[in-house]
């Protein structure tokens, strides 16, 4: 149950209408930074959990 080309184009057009062409690069950058911070936080949490397990 994936997205086809038509659905992706329709979603992209809707986003373009809502946010406008000038705000899309800033929106993409903010989303990318958020995802990177989330991944970094997950790695740090995983590393701290492993350190706690080794202490016990």
PDB file of N, CA and C in Angstrom:
ATOM      1  N   UNK A   1       0.846  -1.175   0.000  1.00  0.00           N
ATOM      2  CA  UNK A   1       0.000   0.000   0.000  1.00  0.00           C
ATOM      3  C   UNK A   1       0.892   1.240   0.000  1.00  0.00           C
ATOM      4  N   UNK A   2       1.574   1.466  -1.087  1.00  0.00           N
ATOM      5  CA  UNK A   2       2.473   2.607  -1.198  1.00  0.00           C
ATOM      6  C   UNK A   2       1.827   3.748  -1.962  1.00  0.00           C
ATOM      7  N   UNK A   3       2.558   4.817  -2.026  1.00  0.00           N
ATOM      8  CA  UNK A   3       2.091   5.980  -2.770  1.00  0.00           C
ATOM      9  C   UNK A   3       2.527   5.860  -4.222  1.00  0.00           C
ATOM     10  N   UNK A   4       1.632   6.201  -5.102  1.00  0.00           N
ATOM     11  CA  UNK A   4       1.963   6.230  -6.518  1.00  0.00           C
ATOM     12  C   UNK A   4       2.427   7.626  -6.919  1.00  0.00           C
ATOM     13  N   UNK A   5       2.794   7.768  -8.180  1.00  0.00           N
ATOM     14  CA  UNK A   5       3.277   9.053  -8.687  1.00  0.00           C
ATOM     15  C   UNK A   5       2.192  10.125  -8.567  1.00  0.00           C
ATOM     16  N   UNK A   6       0.974   9.765  -8.894  1.00  0.00           N
ATOM     17  CA  UNK A   6      -0.129  10.734  -8.839  1.00  0.00           C
ATOM     18  C   UNK A   6      -0.364  11.280  -7.443  1.00  0.00           C
ATOM     19  N   UNK A   7      -0.317  10.402  -6.448  1.00  0.00           N
ATOM     20  CA  UNK A   7      -0.530  10.840  -5.070  1.00  0.00           C
ATOM     21  C   UNK A   7       0.590  11.752  -4.592  1.00  0.00           C
ATOM     22  N   UNK A   8       1.830  11.417  -4.955  1.00  0.00           N
ATOM     23  CA  UNK A   8       2.974  12.232  -4.544  1.00  0.00           C
ATOM     24  C   UNK A   8       2.895  13.620  -5.177  1.00  0.00           C
ATOM     25  N   UNK A   9       2.531  13.685  -6.447  1.00  0.00           N
ATOM     26  CA  UNK A   9       2.391  14.976  -7.131  1.00  0.00           C
ATOM     27  C   UNK A   9       1.278  15.789  -6.491  1.00  0.00           C
ATOM     28  N   UNK A  10       0.170  15.161  -6.163  1.00  0.00           N
ATOM     29  CA  UNK A  10      -0.951  15.859  -5.541  1.00  0.00           C
ATOM     30  C   UNK A  10      -0.567  16.401  -4.164  1.00  0.00           C
ATOM     31  N   UNK A  11       0.140  15.618  -3.373  1.00  0.00           N
ATOM     32  CA  UNK A  11       0.591  16.074  -2.052  1.00  0.00           C
ATOM     33  C   UNK A  11       1.577  17.229  -2.204  1.00  0.00           C
ATOM     34  N   UNK A  12       2.508  17.111  -3.132  1.00  0.00           N
ATOM     35  CA  UNK A  12       3.468  18.198  -3.379  1.00  0.00           C
ATOM     36  C   UNK A  12       2.777  19.483  -3.805  1.00  0.00           C
ATOM     37  N   UNK A  13       1.782  19.381  -4.658  1.00  0.00           N
ATOM     38  CA  UNK A  13       1.026  20.559  -5.099  1.00  0.00           C
ATOM     39  C   UNK A  13       0.274  21.192  -3.932  1.00  0.00           C
ATOM     40  N   UNK A  14      -0.303  20.365  -3.083  1.00  0.00           N
ATOM     41  CA  UNK A  14      -1.012  20.883  -1.909  1.00  0.00           C
ATOM     42  C   UNK A  14      -0.072  21.604  -0.952  1.00  0.00           C
ATOM     43  N   UNK A  15       1.106  21.038  -0.730  1.00  0.00           N
ATOM     44  CA  UNK A  15       2.095  21.679   0.141  1.00  0.00           C
ATOM     45  C   UNK A  15       2.543  23.003  -0.462  1.00  0.00           C
ATOM     46  N   UNK A  16       2.739  23.024  -1.764  1.00  0.00           N
ATOM     47  CA  UNK A  16       3.140  24.258  -2.449  1.00  0.00           C
ATOM     48  C   UNK A  16       2.067  25.334  -2.312  1.00  0.00           C
ATOM     49  N   UNK A  17       0.806  24.953  -2.414  1.00  0.00           N
ATOM     50  CA  UNK A  17      -0.280  25.919  -2.258  1.00  0.00           C
ATOM     51  C   UNK A  17      -0.367  26.445  -0.831  1.00  0.00           C
ATOM     52  N   UNK A  18      -0.161  25.577   0.144  1.00  0.00           N
ATOM     53  CA  UNK A  18      -0.296  25.979   1.540  1.00  0.00           C
ATOM     54  C   UNK A  18       0.864  26.866   1.981  1.00  0.00           C
ATOM     55  N   UNK A  19       2.097  26.466   1.694  1.00  0.00           N
ATOM     56  CA  UNK A  19       3.260  27.165   2.224  1.00  0.00           C
ATOM     57  C   UNK A  19       3.873  28.167   1.256  1.00  0.00           C
ATOM     58  N   UNK A  20       3.633  28.034  -0.021  1.00  0.00           N
ATOM     59  CA  UNK A  20       4.219  28.942  -0.997  1.00  0.00           C
ATOM     60  C   UNK A  20       5.627  28.517  -1.372  1.00  0.00           C
ATOM     61  N   UNK A  21       6.089  29.009  -2.506  1.00  0.00           N
ATOM     62  CA  UNK A  21       7.390  28.612  -3.039  1.00  0.00           C
ATOM     63  C   UNK A  21       8.568  29.122  -2.238  1.00  0.00           C
ATOM     64  N   UNK A  22       8.428  30.278  -1.602  1.00  0.00           N
ATOM     65  CA  UNK A  22       9.558  30.867  -0.879  1.00  0.00           C
ATOM     66  C   UNK A  22       9.826  30.168   0.448  1.00  0.00           C
ATOM     67  N   UNK A  23       8.828  29.595   1.064  1.00  0.00           N
ATOM     68  CA  UNK A  23       9.008  28.968   2.373  1.00  0.00           C
ATOM     69  C   UNK A  23       9.374  27.488   2.302  1.00  0.00           C
ATOM     70  N   UNK A  24       9.248  26.867   1.133  1.00  0.00           N
ATOM     71  CA  UNK A  24       9.524  25.444   1.011  1.00  0.00           C
ATOM     72  C   UNK A  24      10.968  25.071   1.347  1.00  0.00           C
ATOM     73  N   UNK A  25      11.993  25.806   0.882  1.00  0.00           N
ATOM     74  CA  UNK A  25      13.363  25.429   1.261  1.00  0.00           C
ATOM     75  C   UNK A  25      13.605  25.507   2.772  1.00  0.00           C
ATOM     76  N   UNK A  26      13.067  26.527   3.416  1.00  0.00           N
ATOM     77  CA  UNK A  26      13.226  26.655   4.863  1.00  0.00           C
ATOM     78  C   UNK A  26      12.490  25.533   5.586  1.00  0.00           C
ATOM     79  N   UNK A  27      11.339  25.165   5.081  1.00  0.00           N
ATOM     80  CA  UNK A  27      10.564  24.078   5.677  1.00  0.00           C
ATOM     81  C   UNK A  27      11.300  22.753   5.534  1.00  0.00           C
ATOM     82  N   UNK A  28      11.875  22.511   4.369  1.00  0.00           N
ATOM     83  CA  UNK A  28      12.646  21.281   4.142  1.00  0.00           C
ATOM     84  C   UNK A  28      13.873  21.219   5.033  1.00  0.00           C
ATOM     85  N   UNK A  29      14.560  22.346   5.188  1.00  0.00           N
ATOM     86  CA  UNK A  29      15.744  22.394   6.043  1.00  0.00           C
ATOM     87  C   UNK A  29      15.365  22.120   7.496  1.00  0.00           C
ATOM     88  N   UNK A  30      14.287  22.719   7.958  1.00  0.00           N
ATOM     89  CA  UNK A  30      13.844  22.518   9.337  1.00  0.00           C
ATOM     90  C   UNK A  30      13.459  21.057   9.578  1.00  0.00           C
ATOM     91  N   UNK A  31      12.799  20.442   8.617  1.00  0.00           N
ATOM     92  CA  UNK A  31      12.415  19.035   8.769  1.00  0.00           C
ATOM     93  C   UNK A  31      13.644  18.139   8.796  1.00  0.00           C
ATOM     94  N   UNK A  32      14.625  18.427   7.934  1.00  0.00           N
ATOM     95  CA  UNK A  32      15.860  17.643   7.910  1.00  0.00           C
ATOM     96  C   UNK A  32      16.631  17.745   9.217  1.00  0.00           C
ATOM     97  N   UNK A  33      16.727  18.967   9.754  1.00  0.00           N
ATOM     98  CA  UNK A  33      17.419  19.153  11.030  1.00  0.00           C
ATOM     99  C   UNK A  33      16.689  18.438  12.164  1.00  0.00           C
ATOM    100  N   UNK A  34      15.372  18.470  12.130  1.00  0.00           N
ATOM    101  CA  UNK A  34      14.589  17.781  13.163  1.00  0.00           C
ATOM    102  C   UNK A  34      14.825  16.272  13.123  1.00  0.00           C
ATOM    103  N   UNK A  35      14.846  15.713  11.931  1.00  0.00           N
ATOM    104  CA  UNK A  35      15.078  14.274  11.791  1.00  0.00           C
ATOM    105  C   UNK A  35      16.479  13.915  12.269  1.00  0.00           C
ATOM    106  N   UNK A  36      17.478  14.739  11.916  1.00  0.00           N
ATOM    107  CA  UNK A  36      18.850  14.480  12.361  1.00  0.00           C
ATOM    108  C   UNK A  36      18.971  14.546  13.876  1.00  0.00           C
ATOM    109  N   UNK A  37      18.333  15.522  14.502  1.00  0.00           N
ATOM    110  CA  UNK A  37      18.377  15.638  15.958  1.00  0.00           C
ATOM    111  C   UNK A  37      17.682  14.448  16.619  1.00  0.00           C
ATOM    112  N   UNK A  38      16.591  13.993  16.026  1.00  0.00           N
ATOM    113  CA  UNK A  38      15.881  12.832  16.563  1.00  0.00           C
ATOM    114  C   UNK A  38      16.761  11.594  16.506  1.00  0.00           C
ATOM    115  N   UNK A  39      17.427  11.384  15.368  1.00  0.00           N
ATOM    116  CA  UNK A  39      18.320  10.229  15.230  1.00  0.00           C
ATOM    117  C   UNK A  39      19.475  10.315  16.214  1.00  0.00           C
ATOM    118  N   UNK A  40      20.040  11.514  16.380  1.00  0.00           N
ATOM    119  CA  UNK A  40      21.141  11.714  17.315  1.00  0.00           C
ATOM    120  C   UNK A  40      20.691  11.416  18.748  1.00  0.00           C
ATOM    121  N   UNK A  41      19.518  11.866  19.100  1.00  0.00           N
ATOM    122  CA  UNK A  41      18.971  11.599  20.429  1.00  0.00           C
ATOM    123  C   UNK A  41      18.730  10.117  20.665  1.00  0.00           C
ATOM    124  N   UNK A  42      18.266   9.419  19.650  1.00  0.00           N
ATOM    125  CA  UNK A  42      18.032   7.976  19.782  1.00  0.00           C
ATOM    126  C   UNK A  42      19.347   7.238  19.990  1.00  0.00           C
ATOM    127  N   UNK A  43      20.418   7.650  19.280  1.00  0.00           N
ATOM    128  CA  UNK A  43      21.723   7.012  19.439  1.00  0.00           C
ATOM    129  C   UNK A  43      22.282   7.275  20.829  1.00  0.00           C
ATOM    130  N   UNK A  44      22.150   8.514  21.314  1.00  0.00           N
ATOM    131  CA  UNK A  44      22.652   8.855  22.647  1.00  0.00           C
ATOM    132  C   UNK A  44      21.905   8.074  23.719  1.00  0.00           C
ATOM    133  N   UNK A  45      20.594   7.945  23.559  1.00  0.00           N
ATOM    134  CA  UNK A  45      19.787   7.195  24.517  1.00  0.00           C
ATOM    135  C   UNK A  45      20.189   5.727  24.521  1.00  0.00           C
ATOM    136  N   UNK A  46      20.440   5.182  23.334  1.00  0.00           N
ATOM    137  CA  UNK A  46      20.841   3.784  23.217  1.00  0.00           C
ATOM    138  C   UNK A  46      22.213   3.565  23.860  1.00  0.00           C
ATOM    139  N   UNK A  47      23.137   4.501  23.637  1.00  0.00           N
ATOM    140  CA  UNK A  47      24.474   4.388  24.230  1.00  0.00           C
ATOM    141  C   UNK A  47      24.421   4.483  25.749  1.00  0.00           C
ATOM    142  N   UNK A  48      23.597   5.383  26.287  1.00  0.00           N
ATOM    143  CA  UNK A  48      23.503   5.520  27.739  1.00  0.00           C
ATOM    144  C   UNK A  48      22.856   4.280  28.361  1.00  0.00           C
ATOM    145  N   UNK A  49      21.903   3.672  27.662  1.00  0.00           N
ATOM    146  CA  UNK A  49      21.282   2.454  28.171  1.00  0.00           C
ATOM    147  C   UNK A  49      22.293   1.308  28.214  1.00  0.00           C
ATOM    148  N   UNK A  50      23.176   1.245  27.209  1.00  0.00           N
ATOM    149  CA  UNK A  50      24.191   0.205  27.196  1.00  0.00           C
ATOM    150  C   UNK A  50      25.199   0.411  28.319  1.00  0.00           C
ATOM    151  N   UNK A  51      25.545   1.659  28.619  1.00  0.00           N
ATOM    152  CA  UNK A  51      26.481   1.940  29.713  1.00  0.00           C
ATOM    153  C   UNK A  51      25.888   1.549  31.046  1.00  0.00           C
ATOM    154  N   UNK A  52      24.609   1.794  31.233  1.00  0.00           N
ATOM    155  CA  UNK A  52      23.939   1.431  32.479  1.00  0.00           C
ATOM    156  C   UNK A  52      23.922  -0.089  32.647  1.00  0.00           C
ATOM    157  N   UNK A  53      23.655  -0.814  31.558  1.00  0.00           N
ATOM    158  CA  UNK A  53      23.628  -2.269  31.618  1.00  0.00           C
ATOM    159  C   UNK A  53      25.001  -2.837  31.968  1.00  0.00           C
ATOM    160  N   UNK A  54      26.062  -2.210  31.467  1.00  0.00           N
ATOM    161  CA  UNK A  54      27.416  -2.692  31.750  1.00  0.00           C
ATOM    162  C   UNK A  54      27.793  -2.466  33.199  1.00  0.00           C
ATOM    163  N   UNK A  55      27.274  -1.407  33.827  1.00  0.00           N
ATOM    164  CA  UNK A  55      27.574  -1.118  35.229  1.00  0.00           C
ATOM    165  C   UNK A  55      26.947  -2.161  36.144  1.00  0.00           C
ATOM    166  N   UNK A  56      25.780  -2.645  35.785  1.00  0.00           N
ATOM    167  CA  UNK A  56      25.074  -3.614  36.643  1.00  0.00           C
ATOM    168  C   UNK A  56      25.712  -4.928  36.573  1.00  0.00           C
TER     169      UNK A  56
END
